Amino acid sequence: MPRKPKTPPAELPVIPAERLEQFGNGPMTAEAINAATLAGPEEGLD
């Protein structure tokens, strides 16, 4: 029986380096994740 052709993986959005630097290199706490989620893309993260 013939197989379905595989669909290519979805392209991931490009994340600017400035945004990545705001998160730091270590693991994030639940509070930090919540703050980043509430800040959204329009507001800067402190």
PDB file of N, CA and C in Angstrom:
ATOM      1  N   MET A   1       0.848  -1.169   0.000  1.00  0.00           N
ATOM      2  CA  MET A   1       0.000   0.000   0.000  1.00  0.00           C
ATOM      3  C   MET A   1       0.902   1.243   0.000  1.00  0.00           C
ATOM      4  N   PRO A   2       0.609   2.237  -0.846  1.00  0.00           N
ATOM      5  CA  PRO A   2       1.444   3.440  -0.906  1.00  0.00           C
ATOM      6  C   PRO A   2       1.304   4.296   0.349  1.00  0.00           C
ATOM      7  N   ARG A   3       2.398   4.948   0.692  1.00  0.00           N
ATOM      8  CA  ARG A   3       2.401   5.833   1.858  1.00  0.00           C
ATOM      9  C   ARG A   3       2.117   7.267   1.438  1.00  0.00           C
ATOM     10  N   LYS A   4       1.613   8.049   2.380  1.00  0.00           N
ATOM     11  CA  LYS A   4       1.414   9.475   2.127  1.00  0.00           C
ATOM     12  C   LYS A   4       2.788  10.146   2.104  1.00  0.00           C
ATOM     13  N   PRO A   5       2.951  11.138   1.244  1.00  0.00           N
ATOM     14  CA  PRO A   5       4.232  11.885   1.282  1.00  0.00           C
ATOM     15  C   PRO A   5       4.332  12.675   2.581  1.00  0.00           C
ATOM     16  N   LYS A   6       5.541  12.752   3.117  1.00  0.00           N
ATOM     17  CA  LYS A   6       5.751  13.489   4.361  1.00  0.00           C
ATOM     18  C   LYS A   6       5.669  14.983   4.097  1.00  0.00           C
ATOM     19  N   THR A   7       5.015  15.679   5.025  1.00  0.00           N
ATOM     20  CA  THR A   7       4.949  17.132   4.904  1.00  0.00           C
ATOM     21  C   THR A   7       6.213  17.718   5.522  1.00  0.00           C
ATOM     22  N   PRO A   8       6.733  18.782   4.935  1.00  0.00           N
ATOM     23  CA  PRO A   8       7.940  19.400   5.514  1.00  0.00           C
ATOM     24  C   PRO A   8       7.614  20.022   6.864  1.00  0.00           C
ATOM     25  N   PRO A   9       8.591  20.076   7.768  1.00  0.00           N
ATOM     26  CA  PRO A   9       8.338  20.681   9.084  1.00  0.00           C
ATOM     27  C   PRO A   9       8.038  22.168   8.950  1.00  0.00           C
ATOM     28  N   ALA A  10       7.232  22.670   9.875  1.00  0.00           N
ATOM     29  CA  ALA A  10       6.878  24.089   9.861  1.00  0.00           C
ATOM     30  C   ALA A  10       8.104  24.936  10.191  1.00  0.00           C
ATOM     31  N   GLU A  11       8.171  26.113   9.571  1.00  0.00           N
ATOM     32  CA  GLU A  11       9.291  27.007   9.846  1.00  0.00           C
ATOM     33  C   GLU A  11       9.080  27.687  11.196  1.00  0.00           C
ATOM     34  N   LEU A  12      10.136  27.758  11.983  1.00  0.00           N
ATOM     35  CA  LEU A  12      10.057  28.404  13.285  1.00  0.00           C
ATOM     36  C   LEU A  12      10.277  29.900  13.138  1.00  0.00           C
ATOM     37  N   PRO A  13       9.630  30.692  13.982  1.00  0.00           N
ATOM     38  CA  PRO A  13       9.845  32.137  13.897  1.00  0.00           C
ATOM     39  C   PRO A  13      11.257  32.508  14.325  1.00  0.00           C
ATOM     40  N   VAL A  14      11.763  33.592  13.782  1.00  0.00           N
ATOM     41  CA  VAL A  14      13.096  34.073  14.126  1.00  0.00           C
ATOM     42  C   VAL A  14      12.988  34.907  15.403  1.00  0.00           C
ATOM     43  N   ILE A  15      13.816  34.584  16.387  1.00  0.00           N
ATOM     44  CA  ILE A  15      13.823  35.312  17.650  1.00  0.00           C
ATOM     45  C   ILE A  15      15.063  36.199  17.668  1.00  0.00           C
ATOM     46  N   PRO A  16      14.869  37.511  17.822  1.00  0.00           N
ATOM     47  CA  PRO A  16      16.027  38.415  17.828  1.00  0.00           C
ATOM     48  C   PRO A  16      16.964  38.112  18.994  1.00  0.00           C
ATOM     49  N   ALA A  17      18.256  38.319  18.786  1.00  0.00           N
ATOM     50  CA  ALA A  17      19.263  38.052  19.815  1.00  0.00           C
ATOM     51  C   ALA A  17      19.017  38.904  21.058  1.00  0.00           C
ATOM     52  N   GLU A  18      18.524  40.134  20.865  1.00  0.00           N
ATOM     53  CA  GLU A  18      18.263  41.004  22.016  1.00  0.00           C
ATOM     54  C   GLU A  18      17.226  40.380  22.948  1.00  0.00           C
ATOM     55  N   ARG A  19      16.229  39.750  22.364  1.00  0.00           N
ATOM     56  CA  ARG A  19      15.179  39.109  23.172  1.00  0.00           C
ATOM     57  C   ARG A  19      15.757  37.915  23.931  1.00  0.00           C
ATOM     58  N   LEU A  20      16.595  37.130  23.279  1.00  0.00           N
ATOM     59  CA  LEU A  20      17.187  35.963  23.931  1.00  0.00           C
ATOM     60  C   LEU A  20      18.100  36.370  25.082  1.00  0.00           C
ATOM     61  N   GLU A  21      18.816  37.477  24.919  1.00  0.00           N
ATOM     62  CA  GLU A  21      19.726  37.939  25.969  1.00  0.00           C
ATOM     63  C   GLU A  21      18.965  38.351  27.228  1.00  0.00           C
ATOM     64  N   GLN A  22      17.735  38.764  27.079  1.00  0.00           N
ATOM     65  CA  GLN A  22      16.943  39.191  28.224  1.00  0.00           C
ATOM     66  C   GLN A  22      16.612  38.024  29.144  1.00  0.00           C
ATOM     67  N   PHE A  23      16.596  36.817  28.617  1.00  0.00           N
ATOM     68  CA  PHE A  23      16.257  35.652  29.422  1.00  0.00           C
ATOM     69  C   PHE A  23      17.448  35.089  30.181  1.00  0.00           C
ATOM     70  N   GLY A  24      18.656  35.409  29.765  1.00  0.00           N
ATOM     71  CA  GLY A  24      19.838  34.886  30.440  1.00  0.00           C
ATOM     72  C   GLY A  24      20.159  33.477  29.985  1.00  0.00           C
ATOM     73  N   ASN A  25      21.147  32.874  30.628  1.00  0.00           N
ATOM     74  CA  ASN A  25      21.605  31.550  30.214  1.00  0.00           C
ATOM     75  C   ASN A  25      21.102  30.426  31.100  1.00  0.00           C
ATOM     76  N   GLY A  26      20.663  30.728  32.304  1.00  0.00           N
ATOM     77  CA  GLY A  26      20.257  29.677  33.231  1.00  0.00           C
ATOM     78  C   GLY A  26      18.795  29.321  33.100  1.00  0.00           C
ATOM     79  N   PRO A  27      18.355  28.365  33.918  1.00  0.00           N
ATOM     80  CA  PRO A  27      16.948  27.983  33.894  1.00  0.00           C
ATOM     81  C   PRO A  27      16.069  29.112  34.437  1.00  0.00           C
ATOM     82  N   MET A  28      14.848  29.185  33.953  1.00  0.00           N
ATOM     83  CA  MET A  28      13.931  30.233  34.388  1.00  0.00           C
ATOM     84  C   MET A  28      13.009  29.696  35.478  1.00  0.00           C
ATOM     85  N   THR A  29      12.715  30.543  36.442  1.00  0.00           N
ATOM     86  CA  THR A  29      11.761  30.175  37.485  1.00  0.00           C
ATOM     87  C   THR A  29      10.347  30.356  36.940  1.00  0.00           C
ATOM     88  N   ALA A  30       9.382  29.799  37.643  1.00  0.00           N
ATOM     89  CA  ALA A  30       7.991  29.945  37.229  1.00  0.00           C
ATOM     90  C   ALA A  30       7.588  31.414  37.212  1.00  0.00           C
ATOM     91  N   GLU A  31       8.090  32.187  38.176  1.00  0.00           N
ATOM     92  CA  GLU A  31       7.757  33.609  38.232  1.00  0.00           C
ATOM     93  C   GLU A  31       8.315  34.344  37.017  1.00  0.00           C
ATOM     94  N   ALA A  32       9.537  34.009  36.607  1.00  0.00           N
ATOM     95  CA  ALA A  32      10.147  34.663  35.455  1.00  0.00           C
ATOM     96  C   ALA A  32       9.389  34.323  34.173  1.00  0.00           C
ATOM     97  N   ILE A  33       8.958  33.087  34.045  1.00  0.00           N
ATOM     98  CA  ILE A  33       8.186  32.686  32.865  1.00  0.00           C
ATOM     99  C   ILE A  33       6.859  33.423  32.838  1.00  0.00           C
ATOM    100  N   ASN A  34       6.205  33.519  33.984  1.00  0.00           N
ATOM    101  CA  ASN A  34       4.929  34.217  34.060  1.00  0.00           C
ATOM    102  C   ASN A  34       5.097  35.689  33.700  1.00  0.00           C
ATOM    103  N   ALA A  35       6.140  36.336  34.216  1.00  0.00           N
ATOM    104  CA  ALA A  35       6.382  37.741  33.923  1.00  0.00           C
ATOM    105  C   ALA A  35       6.658  37.945  32.437  1.00  0.00           C
ATOM    106  N   ALA A  36       7.423  37.053  31.834  1.00  0.00           N
ATOM    107  CA  ALA A  36       7.737  37.172  30.411  1.00  0.00           C
ATOM    108  C   ALA A  36       6.480  36.967  29.567  1.00  0.00           C
ATOM    109  N   THR A  37       5.612  36.057  29.981  1.00  0.00           N
ATOM    110  CA  THR A  37       4.381  35.804  29.243  1.00  0.00           C
ATOM    111  C   THR A  37       3.451  37.003  29.320  1.00  0.00           C
ATOM    112  N   LEU A  38       3.347  37.601  30.494  1.00  0.00           N
ATOM    113  CA  LEU A  38       2.455  38.748  30.669  1.00  0.00           C
ATOM    114  C   LEU A  38       2.987  39.988  29.967  1.00  0.00           C
ATOM    115  N   ALA A  39       4.316  40.108  29.835  1.00  0.00           N
ATOM    116  CA  ALA A  39       4.904  41.282  29.199  1.00  0.00           C
ATOM    117  C   ALA A  39       4.552  41.325  27.719  1.00  0.00           C
ATOM    118  N   GLY A  40       4.534  40.191  27.060  1.00  0.00           N
ATOM    119  CA  GLY A  40       4.190  40.137  25.648  1.00  0.00           C
ATOM    120  C   GLY A  40       5.288  40.701  24.769  1.00  0.00           C
ATOM    121  N   PRO A  41       5.106  40.637  23.472  1.00  0.00           N
ATOM    122  CA  PRO A  41       6.146  41.093  22.544  1.00  0.00           C
ATOM    123  C   PRO A  41       6.268  42.608  22.455  1.00  0.00           C
ATOM    124  N   GLU A  42       5.236  43.362  22.832  1.00  0.00           N
ATOM    125  CA  GLU A  42       5.307  44.817  22.714  1.00  0.00           C
ATOM    126  C   GLU A  42       6.085  45.455  23.835  1.00  0.00           C
ATOM    127  N   GLU A  43       6.055  44.869  25.022  1.00  0.00           N
ATOM    128  CA  GLU A  43       6.695  45.462  26.181  1.00  0.00           C
ATOM    129  C   GLU A  43       8.078  44.857  26.379  1.00  0.00           C
ATOM    130  N   GLY A  44       8.990  45.638  26.892  1.00  0.00           N
ATOM    131  CA  GLY A  44      10.327  45.147  27.172  1.00  0.00           C
ATOM    132  C   GLY A  44      10.347  44.374  28.476  1.00  0.00           C
ATOM    133  N   LEU A  45      11.234  43.428  28.561  1.00  0.00           N
ATOM    134  CA  LEU A  45      11.391  42.660  29.791  1.00  0.00           C
ATOM    135  C   LEU A  45      12.533  43.253  30.610  1.00  0.00           C
ATOM    136  N   ASP A  46      12.340  43.370  31.903  1.00  0.00           N
ATOM    137  CA  ASP A  46      13.389  43.929  32.749  1.00  0.00           C
ATOM    138  C   ASP A  46      14.213  42.837  33.380  1.00  0.00           C
TER     139      ASP A  46
END
